[in-house]
Amino acid sequence: MQLILHYDETYREVKYSNMGLQDIDSKMLMGINVTPIVALLYTPVLIRFFGTKWTMFLAVGIYALFVSTNYWERYYTLVPSAVAIGVAIVPLWASMGNYVTRMAQKYYEYMNYKEDHVQEQQRAPRGAYNTYIIAFQSLFYGCFHLSFVCAQMPMLFFLNSYLYDLNHTLCNVKNCGTLSKGMLPGFNATVLQSLPRSINLIIVESVLMGTAFLSMLMVLILCGSAYRPTEEIDLRSIGWGNIFQLPFKHMRDYRLRHLFPFFIYSGFEVLFVCTGFSLNYGVCAIGLEKLAYIIMAYGFSAAACSSLALSMLRLPRQAPLLAGAAAHAILLIGLFCWAPQPRDQAQAPLLYLVAALWGLGSALNKTSLSTLLGMLYQDKERQDFVFTIYHWWQALAIFVVYLWSGLPMKAKLSIMLLTLVASVLSYLWMEHKLARHVLYRVPKIPKPRHKVRGYRYLEAENSDETGSEGESEQDSDGSQEEQAGPGGQRHKPKCAYEQALGEEDGENVG
């Protein structure tokens, strides 16, 4: 809604000519898209410092801050708030991915609670969480994709009544679809029949502001802690230097390296459907007043099809991801060959169908990727690093889409199709290596380094030691066996003070 208002030449001249804000949109988009490039450096530190829940709360609060700046539109309000959103994007998504996975694991522990397991500190069997992770991720993405529908409410109930019809806005547009170049060349510089009254804009912004505050309250009140307080302390006590380094060390794991192309494509496809397809195919053919309906068709389809990821409960885990990739590959080839006629309302059903099928592929793509990461990395100490890497690559892909906005449509489609093919081949090779039981290398998470207080003492470990998850589990099992005495009874290690007393007693007896 904001971009359409600012696009209109008359609106900008009347409202912003005396403020020097004619080019404000380009600066805001740059702040939102460029800032996440450095998110890998600070996201794990934020999550470990504030905790998973409070990182989500802080990020949603930054979105509320961005909405509030529209009450007072100036460079020093809009641009800093756009940069703040760019800073919050990766922490928000990384903490949400981590939180949903942790809730699935905690629900398994609740459903399978046994007193003796708690006392013995037994680990859950490998793969025990998978069923709950699949269900939780499917439910989450089903709700998330509805946000594409809700986001069109201001367009439907407010802005559409001010728009010219397609005969005015598209009068100079000659080519659509695969023949187009850039962001809909020839689109009329005026799209508003009359300028909205300021009081109407304030009402819409107030509704959005209320929604943002409601989101903050829901996170604050309804979301419980992802970890117990002692676990939160231990997660931070491994050292801030280690927390900074571990995302980079996790990239040595071949499982993540083989998923990088899919992470990139995931960022490409969601922004392409909201910009390239919606504008160069949808708006170009049936007008700007139908833009909201195209995005809503995509959102409803993606929300409904997210439940198809539950097929992982019965089918091999690669089935939904490959099915979504196949759907997008067919659509990309079809879009490469299709050039809709400008100002032709008869093409509306076909455009809505393509948007719905794209939503099918997006739902399978995003739900399957998050579920797969939760299944591959069930160690709660490394999930925030893994989801940070995933959403950082997504943010880089979105930045690339922002840079290629001036390319011909055929070049955009070709890049996406090549990326998709590389993603599928890389993923299949990863599954092949896992089937052959090729060892993967993940960094060992250092044990908490508590300070010496009173008579407590705990040795620090070298955080640079690496090994597979299986090896780390064996190390922990071995240390537990060393502490077990005769008859399998566990003995608590003596502290330094008790050892000194034992030595003195031995000397006195001698």
Protein backbone atom coordinates (compact mmCIF):
# COMPACT_ATOMS: atom_id res chain seq x y z
CA MET A 1 0.00 0.00 0.00
CA GLN A 2 2.80 2.39 0.88
CA LEU A 3 4.72 1.66 -2.32
CA ILE A 4 1.63 2.29 -4.48
CA LEU A 5 0.88 5.58 -2.72
CA HIS A 6 4.46 6.76 -3.10
CA TYR A 7 4.56 5.65 -6.76
CA ASP A 8 1.79 8.06 -7.74
CA GLU A 9 3.35 11.23 -9.12
CA THR A 10 0.59 13.55 -7.90
CA TYR A 11 0.68 12.10 -4.37
CA ARG A 12 4.43 12.62 -4.12
CA GLU A 13 4.29 16.15 -5.45
CA VAL A 14 1.47 17.22 -3.13
CA LYS A 15 2.67 15.52 0.04
CA TYR A 16 6.46 15.29 -0.25
CA SER A 17 7.63 18.09 -2.56
CA ASN A 18 8.41 20.41 0.35
CA MET A 19 10.06 17.60 2.37
CA GLY A 20 12.45 16.25 -0.27
CA LEU A 21 11.07 12.72 0.06
CA GLN A 22 10.44 11.93 -3.62
CA ASP A 23 13.03 9.12 -3.60
CA ILE A 24 12.23 7.83 -0.10
CA ASP A 25 11.09 4.39 -1.31
CA SER A 26 14.43 3.50 -2.90
CA LYS A 27 16.28 4.39 0.30
CA MET A 28 13.84 2.42 2.46
CA LEU A 29 14.06 -0.66 0.23
CA MET A 30 17.83 -0.44 0.29
CA GLY A 31 17.83 -0.27 4.09
CA ILE A 32 15.51 -3.29 4.36
CA ASN A 33 17.36 -5.46 1.82
CA VAL A 34 21.02 -4.56 2.39
CA THR A 35 21.20 -4.70 6.20
CA PRO A 36 20.53 -8.48 6.55
CA ILE A 37 23.81 -9.22 4.75
CA VAL A 38 25.68 -8.86 8.07
CA ALA A 39 23.01 -10.66 10.12
CA LEU A 40 25.13 -13.81 10.44
CA LEU A 41 27.52 -11.86 12.67
CA TYR A 42 25.03 -10.82 15.34
CA THR A 43 21.94 -13.08 15.15
CA PRO A 44 23.26 -15.98 17.32
CA VAL A 45 24.59 -13.47 19.85
CA LEU A 46 21.16 -11.80 20.06
CA ILE A 47 19.36 -15.13 20.48
CA ARG A 48 21.78 -16.35 23.16
CA PHE A 49 21.79 -13.01 25.00
CA PHE A 50 18.03 -12.29 25.02
CA GLY A 51 16.73 -15.84 24.66
CA THR A 52 14.54 -17.23 21.88
CA LYS A 53 11.24 -15.82 23.12
CA TRP A 54 12.56 -12.34 23.87
CA THR A 55 14.32 -12.15 20.50
CA MET A 56 10.96 -12.76 18.83
CA PHE A 57 9.36 -10.12 21.05
CA LEU A 58 12.08 -7.58 20.24
CA ALA A 59 11.87 -8.23 16.48
CA VAL A 60 8.07 -7.87 16.41
CA GLY A 61 8.50 -4.64 18.38
CA ILE A 62 10.79 -3.30 15.65
CA TYR A 63 8.07 -4.02 13.08
CA ALA A 64 5.66 -2.05 15.27
CA LEU A 65 8.21 0.78 15.34
CA PHE A 66 8.27 0.82 11.53
CA VAL A 67 4.48 1.13 11.36
CA SER A 68 4.51 3.96 13.90
CA THR A 69 6.95 6.06 11.81
CA ASN A 70 4.25 6.49 9.15
CA TYR A 71 2.51 8.93 11.51
CA TRP A 72 5.47 11.30 11.05
CA GLU A 73 7.09 10.69 7.66
CA ARG A 74 10.58 12.17 7.57
CA TYR A 75 14.01 10.92 6.49
CA TYR A 76 15.11 10.60 10.10
CA THR A 77 12.07 8.41 10.93
CA LEU A 78 11.46 6.29 7.82
CA VAL A 79 15.03 5.37 6.84
CA PRO A 80 16.26 4.38 10.34
CA SER A 81 13.12 2.29 10.90
CA ALA A 82 13.66 0.54 7.54
CA VAL A 83 17.25 -0.24 8.53
CA ALA A 84 15.98 -1.54 11.88
CA ILE A 85 13.60 -3.91 10.08
CA GLY A 86 16.52 -5.16 8.00
CA VAL A 87 18.44 -5.82 11.21
CA ALA A 88 15.48 -7.71 12.73
CA ILE A 89 14.51 -9.93 9.76
CA VAL A 90 17.03 -12.75 10.25
CA PRO A 91 16.84 -12.79 14.10
CA LEU A 92 13.03 -12.95 13.90
CA TRP A 93 12.95 -15.90 11.52
CA ALA A 94 15.86 -17.74 13.11
CA SER A 95 14.29 -17.47 16.56
CA MET A 96 10.88 -18.55 15.23
CA GLY A 97 12.32 -21.59 13.47
CA ASN A 98 14.22 -22.50 16.62
CA TYR A 99 11.15 -21.90 18.79
CA VAL A 100 8.78 -24.07 16.74
CA THR A 101 11.30 -26.93 16.71
CA ARG A 102 11.87 -26.66 20.46
CA MET A 103 8.11 -26.67 21.12
CA ALA A 104 7.81 -29.89 19.12
CA GLN A 105 10.58 -31.46 21.19
CA LYS A 106 9.06 -30.29 24.46
CA TYR A 107 5.67 -31.65 23.42
CA TYR A 108 7.29 -35.05 22.79
CA GLU A 109 8.84 -34.90 26.25
CA TYR A 110 5.45 -34.01 27.74
CA MET A 111 3.69 -36.86 25.93
CA ASN A 112 6.37 -39.38 26.85
CA TYR A 113 7.18 -38.17 30.36
CA LYS A 114 8.55 -40.81 32.70
CA GLU A 115 10.01 -40.12 36.12
CA ASP A 116 12.90 -42.55 35.74
CA HIS A 117 13.94 -40.97 32.43
CA VAL A 118 14.14 -37.55 34.07
CA GLN A 119 16.21 -38.88 36.96
CA GLU A 120 18.60 -40.75 34.68
CA GLN A 121 18.89 -37.83 32.21
CA GLN A 122 18.30 -40.16 29.27
CA ARG A 123 18.38 -38.83 25.73
CA ALA A 124 15.40 -39.31 23.44
CA PRO A 125 15.99 -42.00 20.78
CA ARG A 126 17.29 -40.73 17.47
CA GLY A 127 14.33 -39.62 15.31
CA ALA A 128 11.83 -39.69 18.18
CA TYR A 129 10.98 -36.00 17.67
CA ASN A 130 10.36 -36.28 13.90
CA THR A 131 6.60 -36.82 14.06
CA TYR A 132 6.05 -33.75 16.23
CA ILE A 133 8.47 -31.58 14.25
CA ILE A 134 6.60 -32.38 11.02
CA ALA A 135 3.22 -31.58 12.61
CA PHE A 136 4.36 -28.36 14.29
CA GLN A 137 6.15 -26.97 11.21
CA SER A 138 3.16 -27.76 8.98
CA LEU A 139 0.79 -25.97 11.35
CA PHE A 140 3.11 -22.97 11.69
CA TYR A 141 3.55 -22.45 7.95
CA GLY A 142 -0.16 -22.98 7.36
CA CYS A 143 -0.78 -20.00 9.66
CA PHE A 144 2.14 -17.98 8.30
CA HIS A 145 1.02 -18.13 4.68
CA LEU A 146 -2.32 -16.62 5.70
CA SER A 147 -0.36 -13.42 6.33
CA PHE A 148 -0.23 -12.92 2.54
CA VAL A 149 -4.03 -12.84 2.62
CA CYS A 150 -4.32 -10.53 5.63
CA ALA A 151 -1.74 -8.15 4.15
CA GLN A 152 -4.14 -7.36 1.29
CA MET A 153 -6.92 -6.06 3.54
CA PRO A 154 -5.79 -2.39 3.32
CA MET A 155 -5.75 -2.71 -0.48
CA LEU A 156 -9.22 -4.24 -0.64
CA PHE A 157 -11.02 -2.05 1.88
CA PHE A 158 -9.16 1.23 1.43
CA LEU A 159 -6.84 1.78 -1.53
CA ASN A 160 -8.76 0.09 -4.36
CA SER A 161 -11.49 2.74 -4.23
CA TYR A 162 -8.91 5.40 -5.18
CA LEU A 163 -7.30 3.54 -8.12
CA TYR A 164 -7.81 4.18 -11.83
CA ASP A 165 -8.89 1.21 -13.93
CA LEU A 166 -6.50 -0.71 -16.18
CA ASN A 167 -7.33 1.32 -19.31
CA HIS A 168 -5.66 4.32 -17.68
CA THR A 169 -2.79 2.71 -15.75
CA LEU A 170 -1.78 0.32 -18.58
CA CYS A 171 -2.39 2.58 -21.59
CA ASN A 172 1.34 2.72 -22.50
CA VAL A 173 2.25 -0.88 -21.62
CA LYS A 174 3.17 -2.86 -24.73
CA ASN A 175 4.66 -6.15 -23.47
CA CYS A 176 3.83 -8.44 -20.58
CA GLY A 177 5.23 -11.62 -19.10
CA THR A 178 8.31 -13.11 -20.68
CA LEU A 179 8.66 -10.20 -23.15
CA SER A 180 8.83 -7.57 -20.41
CA LYS A 181 11.93 -6.02 -18.89
CA GLY A 182 12.38 -4.48 -15.46
CA MET A 183 9.40 -3.65 -13.27
CA LEU A 184 6.50 -3.19 -15.73
CA PRO A 185 7.85 -0.52 -18.15
CA GLY A 186 5.29 1.91 -19.51
CA PHE A 187 3.12 1.83 -16.38
CA ASN A 188 1.32 5.16 -15.93
CA ALA A 189 2.93 7.56 -13.45
CA THR A 190 -0.49 8.41 -11.96
CA VAL A 191 -2.58 5.58 -10.51
CA LEU A 192 -4.81 7.46 -8.04
CA GLN A 193 -8.08 9.06 -9.19
CA SER A 194 -8.12 11.22 -6.04
CA LEU A 195 -5.75 11.59 -3.12
CA PRO A 196 -6.75 9.86 0.15
CA ARG A 197 -7.61 12.16 3.02
CA SER A 198 -5.07 12.28 5.82
CA ILE A 199 -7.63 11.12 8.38
CA ASN A 200 -8.28 7.96 6.31
CA LEU A 201 -4.56 7.20 6.19
CA ILE A 202 -4.32 7.68 9.94
CA ILE A 203 -7.18 5.23 10.49
CA VAL A 204 -5.50 2.55 8.35
CA GLU A 205 -2.15 3.09 10.06
CA SER A 206 -3.83 2.88 13.46
CA VAL A 207 -5.36 -0.49 12.57
CA LEU A 208 -1.93 -1.74 11.48
CA MET A 209 -0.40 -0.35 14.65
CA GLY A 210 -3.00 -2.13 16.77
CA THR A 211 -2.24 -5.39 14.96
CA ALA A 212 1.47 -4.96 15.65
CA PHE A 213 0.87 -4.37 19.36
CA LEU A 214 -1.49 -7.36 19.48
CA SER A 215 1.31 -9.49 18.00
CA MET A 216 3.70 -8.29 20.69
CA LEU A 217 1.20 -9.11 23.42
CA MET A 218 0.58 -12.59 22.00
CA VAL A 219 4.31 -13.34 22.01
CA LEU A 220 4.65 -11.95 25.51
CA ILE A 221 1.64 -13.69 27.08
CA LEU A 222 1.03 -16.87 25.09
CA CYS A 223 4.57 -17.96 24.20
CA GLY A 224 6.35 -19.81 26.98
CA SER A 225 10.08 -20.08 27.38
CA ALA A 226 11.86 -22.33 24.87
CA TYR A 227 14.37 -23.46 27.50
CA ARG A 228 14.49 -23.83 31.25
CA PRO A 229 16.28 -20.96 33.06
CA THR A 230 19.32 -23.13 33.84
CA GLU A 231 19.52 -24.17 30.17
CA GLU A 232 19.39 -20.54 29.04
CA ILE A 233 22.32 -19.78 31.35
CA ASP A 234 24.28 -22.76 30.04
CA LEU A 235 23.65 -21.75 26.41
CA ARG A 236 25.18 -18.34 27.09
CA SER A 237 28.01 -19.66 29.26
CA ILE A 238 29.92 -21.31 26.42
CA GLY A 239 31.59 -17.95 25.71
CA TRP A 240 30.58 -15.12 23.38
CA GLY A 241 33.58 -15.80 21.16
CA ASN A 242 32.38 -19.36 20.60
CA ILE A 243 28.83 -18.15 19.91
CA PHE A 244 30.20 -15.77 17.27
CA GLN A 245 32.30 -18.48 15.58
CA LEU A 246 29.91 -21.44 15.63
CA PRO A 247 27.67 -20.38 12.68
CA PHE A 248 30.76 -20.28 10.46
CA LYS A 249 32.00 -23.61 11.83
CA HIS A 250 28.65 -25.26 11.11
CA MET A 251 29.11 -24.48 7.42
CA ARG A 252 31.72 -27.25 7.30
CA ASP A 253 28.92 -29.79 7.67
CA TYR A 254 28.26 -31.23 4.21
CA ARG A 255 24.53 -31.51 4.97
CA LEU A 256 24.22 -27.73 5.25
CA ARG A 257 26.52 -27.14 2.28
CA HIS A 258 24.31 -29.32 0.08
CA LEU A 259 21.20 -27.42 1.24
CA PHE A 260 22.63 -23.94 0.50
CA PRO A 261 21.19 -23.87 -3.08
CA PHE A 262 17.72 -24.66 -1.74
CA PHE A 263 18.08 -21.90 0.86
CA ILE A 264 18.89 -19.46 -1.93
CA TYR A 265 16.03 -20.62 -4.16
CA SER A 266 13.63 -20.31 -1.24
CA GLY A 267 14.45 -16.60 -1.07
CA PHE A 268 14.18 -16.21 -4.85
CA GLU A 269 10.76 -17.76 -5.27
CA VAL A 270 8.79 -15.97 -2.54
CA LEU A 271 9.92 -12.51 -3.65
CA PHE A 272 9.47 -13.35 -7.34
CA VAL A 273 5.81 -14.23 -6.91
CA CYS A 274 5.16 -10.99 -4.98
CA THR A 275 6.98 -8.74 -7.48
CA GLY A 276 7.95 -10.28 -10.84
CA PHE A 277 4.93 -12.51 -11.40
CA SER A 278 2.36 -10.24 -9.73
CA LEU A 279 3.42 -7.15 -11.66
CA ASN A 280 4.78 -8.32 -15.01
CA TYR A 281 2.16 -11.02 -15.50
CA GLY A 282 -0.81 -10.22 -13.23
CA VAL A 283 -1.04 -6.41 -13.08
CA CYS A 284 0.12 -6.11 -16.70
CA ALA A 285 -2.79 -8.26 -17.88
CA ILE A 286 -5.71 -7.50 -15.55
CA GLY A 287 -4.79 -4.22 -13.85
CA LEU A 288 -3.47 -2.90 -10.56
CA GLU A 289 -6.90 -3.19 -8.93
CA LYS A 290 -6.59 -7.01 -9.15
CA LEU A 291 -3.16 -7.19 -7.50
CA ALA A 292 -4.62 -8.02 -4.08
CA TYR A 293 -6.62 -10.94 -5.47
CA ILE A 294 -3.52 -12.48 -7.10
CA ILE A 295 -1.57 -12.36 -3.83
CA MET A 296 -4.57 -13.71 -1.93
CA ALA A 297 -4.85 -16.68 -4.32
CA TYR A 298 -1.20 -17.42 -3.62
CA GLY A 299 -1.64 -17.06 0.14
CA PHE A 300 -4.77 -19.23 0.42
CA SER A 301 -3.19 -21.97 -1.68
CA ALA A 302 0.09 -21.93 0.28
CA ALA A 303 -1.75 -22.03 3.61
CA ALA A 304 -3.91 -24.98 2.55
CA CYS A 305 -1.05 -26.90 0.92
CA SER A 306 1.26 -26.58 3.92
CA SER A 307 -0.63 -29.55 5.36
CA LEU A 308 0.68 -31.68 2.48
CA ALA A 309 4.02 -31.73 4.28
CA LEU A 310 2.37 -34.16 6.70
CA SER A 311 2.95 -36.74 3.98
CA MET A 312 6.47 -37.02 5.43
CA LEU A 313 4.85 -39.09 8.17
CA ARG A 314 4.22 -41.87 5.61
CA LEU A 315 6.38 -41.12 2.59
CA PRO A 316 10.16 -40.62 2.40
CA ARG A 317 11.15 -37.22 3.77
CA GLN A 318 12.43 -36.03 0.38
CA ALA A 319 9.01 -36.51 -1.32
CA PRO A 320 7.35 -33.13 -0.43
CA LEU A 321 10.47 -31.08 -1.16
CA LEU A 322 11.00 -32.69 -4.56
CA ALA A 323 7.28 -32.42 -5.38
CA GLY A 324 7.36 -28.67 -4.66
CA ALA A 325 10.48 -28.30 -6.80
CA ALA A 326 8.81 -30.18 -9.67
CA ALA A 327 5.74 -27.92 -9.49
CA HIS A 328 7.90 -24.78 -9.63
CA ALA A 329 10.05 -26.17 -12.47
CA ILE A 330 6.95 -26.77 -14.62
CA LEU A 331 5.63 -23.29 -13.83
CA LEU A 332 8.97 -21.62 -14.60
CA ILE A 333 9.12 -23.31 -18.01
CA GLY A 334 5.52 -22.28 -18.70
CA LEU A 335 6.15 -18.67 -17.64
CA PHE A 336 9.26 -18.57 -19.84
CA CYS A 337 7.04 -19.24 -22.85
CA TRP A 338 4.02 -17.12 -21.86
CA ALA A 339 3.45 -13.46 -22.69
CA PRO A 340 -0.08 -12.36 -21.61
CA GLN A 341 -1.82 -9.65 -23.59
CA PRO A 342 -1.99 -6.27 -21.83
CA ARG A 343 -5.44 -5.20 -20.61
CA ASP A 344 -7.06 -8.59 -21.20
CA GLN A 345 -9.42 -9.56 -18.37
CA ALA A 346 -10.11 -12.96 -19.97
CA GLN A 347 -6.73 -14.18 -18.68
CA ALA A 348 -7.65 -13.68 -15.01
CA PRO A 349 -8.60 -17.33 -14.27
CA LEU A 350 -5.31 -18.61 -15.66
CA LEU A 351 -3.33 -16.07 -13.63
CA TYR A 352 -5.13 -17.06 -10.43
CA LEU A 353 -4.43 -20.72 -11.22
CA VAL A 354 -0.71 -20.07 -11.70
CA ALA A 355 -0.60 -18.11 -8.42
CA ALA A 356 -2.32 -20.99 -6.60
CA LEU A 357 0.04 -23.59 -8.08
CA TRP A 358 3.01 -21.42 -7.11
CA GLY A 359 1.60 -21.35 -3.59
CA LEU A 360 1.56 -25.15 -3.64
CA GLY A 361 5.26 -25.25 -4.48
CA SER A 362 6.14 -22.55 -1.93
CA ALA A 363 4.28 -24.35 0.85
CA LEU A 364 6.08 -27.63 0.18
CA ASN A 365 9.41 -25.86 -0.18
CA LYS A 366 9.39 -23.81 3.02
CA THR A 367 7.67 -26.37 5.24
CA SER A 368 9.92 -29.19 4.06
CA LEU A 369 13.14 -27.20 4.49
CA SER A 370 12.35 -26.15 8.07
CA THR A 371 11.18 -29.66 8.94
CA LEU A 372 14.30 -31.19 7.41
CA LEU A 373 16.57 -28.93 9.46
CA GLY A 374 14.67 -29.85 12.62
CA MET A 375 15.05 -33.54 11.83
CA LEU A 376 18.76 -33.35 10.93
CA TYR A 377 19.74 -31.12 13.87
CA GLN A 378 17.81 -32.25 16.92
CA ASP A 379 20.48 -31.08 19.36
CA LYS A 380 18.90 -28.08 21.07
CA GLU A 381 22.31 -26.45 21.54
CA ARG A 382 22.89 -25.93 17.82
CA GLN A 383 19.41 -25.26 16.40
CA ASP A 384 19.70 -21.48 16.62
CA PHE A 385 22.94 -21.58 14.61
CA VAL A 386 21.42 -23.79 11.91
CA PHE A 387 18.25 -21.72 11.47
CA THR A 388 20.37 -18.55 11.43
CA ILE A 389 22.37 -19.93 8.50
CA TYR A 390 19.16 -20.93 6.68
CA HIS A 391 17.48 -17.53 6.94
CA TRP A 392 20.72 -15.64 6.31
CA TRP A 393 21.05 -17.34 2.91
CA GLN A 394 17.40 -16.52 2.26
CA ALA A 395 18.09 -12.86 3.05
CA LEU A 396 21.05 -12.87 0.64
CA ALA A 397 18.80 -14.28 -2.08
CA ILE A 398 16.21 -11.57 -1.46
CA PHE A 399 18.97 -8.97 -1.79
CA VAL A 400 19.95 -10.49 -5.16
CA VAL A 401 16.31 -10.26 -6.34
CA TYR A 402 16.35 -6.60 -5.28
CA LEU A 403 19.47 -6.05 -7.43
CA TRP A 404 18.18 -7.83 -10.54
CA SER A 405 14.92 -5.85 -10.75
CA GLY A 406 16.03 -4.22 -14.02
CA LEU A 407 16.84 -7.48 -15.86
CA PRO A 408 14.65 -8.92 -18.65
CA MET A 409 12.06 -11.43 -17.42
CA LYS A 410 13.66 -14.26 -19.39
CA ALA A 411 16.94 -13.71 -17.55
CA LYS A 412 15.18 -13.80 -14.16
CA LEU A 413 13.33 -17.01 -15.01
CA SER A 414 16.53 -18.62 -16.32
CA ILE A 415 18.44 -17.82 -13.12
CA MET A 416 15.64 -19.24 -10.99
CA LEU A 417 15.35 -22.42 -13.06
CA LEU A 418 19.11 -23.05 -12.97
CA THR A 419 19.15 -22.46 -9.21
CA LEU A 420 16.25 -24.87 -8.76
CA VAL A 421 17.94 -27.62 -10.79
CA ALA A 422 21.19 -27.16 -8.84
CA SER A 423 19.22 -27.29 -5.58
CA VAL A 424 17.54 -30.59 -6.43
CA LEU A 425 20.79 -32.24 -7.59
CA SER A 426 22.67 -31.02 -4.51
CA TYR A 427 19.93 -32.24 -2.17
CA LEU A 428 19.75 -35.67 -3.81
CA TRP A 429 23.53 -35.99 -3.46
CA MET A 430 23.23 -35.16 0.26
CA GLU A 431 20.60 -37.87 0.74
CA HIS A 432 22.81 -40.31 -1.16
CA LYS A 433 25.76 -39.57 1.15
CA LEU A 434 23.58 -39.97 4.22
CA ALA A 435 22.29 -43.31 2.91
CA ARG A 436 25.92 -44.47 2.56
CA HIS A 437 26.55 -43.34 6.16
CA VAL A 438 29.22 -40.83 5.16
CA LEU A 439 30.37 -39.12 8.34
CA TYR A 440 29.53 -35.44 8.60
CA ARG A 441 31.54 -32.91 10.53
CA VAL A 442 29.88 -30.57 12.99
CA PRO A 443 31.60 -28.37 15.57
CA LYS A 444 31.54 -29.61 19.12
CA ILE A 445 29.53 -27.32 21.38
CA PRO A 446 31.73 -26.39 24.36
CA LYS A 447 30.45 -27.19 27.81
CA PRO A 448 29.31 -24.22 29.92
CA ARG A 449 32.20 -22.36 31.48
CA HIS A 450 30.97 -21.29 34.90
CA LYS A 451 33.04 -18.98 37.06
CA VAL A 452 34.59 -20.32 40.27
CA ARG A 453 32.33 -19.29 43.11
CA GLY A 454 32.64 -20.74 46.59
CA TYR A 455 33.71 -24.36 46.24
CA ARG A 456 32.26 -24.99 42.76
CA TYR A 457 34.63 -25.83 39.96
CA LEU A 458 34.12 -26.97 36.36
CA GLU A 459 36.81 -27.53 33.78
CA ALA A 460 36.57 -25.69 30.47
CA GLU A 461 36.81 -27.59 27.20
CA ASN A 462 38.39 -26.66 23.90
CA SER A 463 35.62 -25.29 21.67
CA ASP A 464 37.61 -25.89 18.49
CA GLU A 465 37.38 -29.68 18.79
CA THR A 466 35.16 -31.07 16.03
CA GLY A 467 33.40 -34.33 15.42
CA SER A 468 30.11 -35.84 14.39
CA GLU A 469 27.03 -35.72 16.55
CA GLY A 470 27.40 -39.43 17.15
CA GLU A 471 30.93 -38.92 18.48
CA SER A 472 29.83 -36.13 20.80
CA GLU A 473 27.06 -38.33 22.15
CA GLN A 474 29.56 -41.12 22.70
CA ASP A 475 31.86 -38.72 24.53
CA SER A 476 29.05 -37.66 26.84
CA ASP A 477 28.04 -41.29 27.42
CA GLY A 478 31.65 -42.19 28.17
CA SER A 479 32.00 -39.41 30.71
CA GLN A 480 28.83 -40.60 32.42
CA GLU A 481 30.22 -44.16 32.60
CA GLU A 482 33.47 -42.94 34.12
CA GLN A 483 31.50 -41.27 36.89
CA ALA A 484 29.55 -44.47 37.64
CA GLY A 485 30.82 -46.58 40.51
CA PRO A 486 30.35 -50.25 41.39
CA GLY A 487 26.80 -51.54 40.87
CA GLY A 488 26.09 -48.83 38.29
CA GLN A 489 25.58 -46.14 40.95
CA ARG A 490 26.58 -42.66 39.88
CA HIS A 491 28.98 -40.64 42.03
CA LYS A 492 29.21 -36.89 41.95
CA PRO A 493 32.73 -35.65 41.04
CA LYS A 494 34.56 -34.17 43.99
CA CYS A 495 35.21 -30.48 43.99
CA ALA A 496 38.70 -29.08 44.46
CA TYR A 497 38.12 -28.33 48.16
CA GLU A 498 36.98 -31.90 48.90
CA GLN A 499 39.99 -33.32 47.08
CA ALA A 500 42.32 -31.17 49.18
CA LEU A 501 40.63 -32.36 52.41
CA GLY A 502 41.01 -35.98 51.23
CA GLU A 503 44.75 -35.51 50.67
CA GLU A 504 45.22 -33.94 54.13
CA ASP A 505 43.31 -36.82 55.77
CA GLY A 506 45.58 -39.31 53.97
CA GLU A 507 48.71 -37.57 55.22
CA ASN A 508 47.38 -37.53 58.80
CA VAL A 509 46.55 -41.23 58.67
CA GLY A 510 50.03 -41.98 57.31
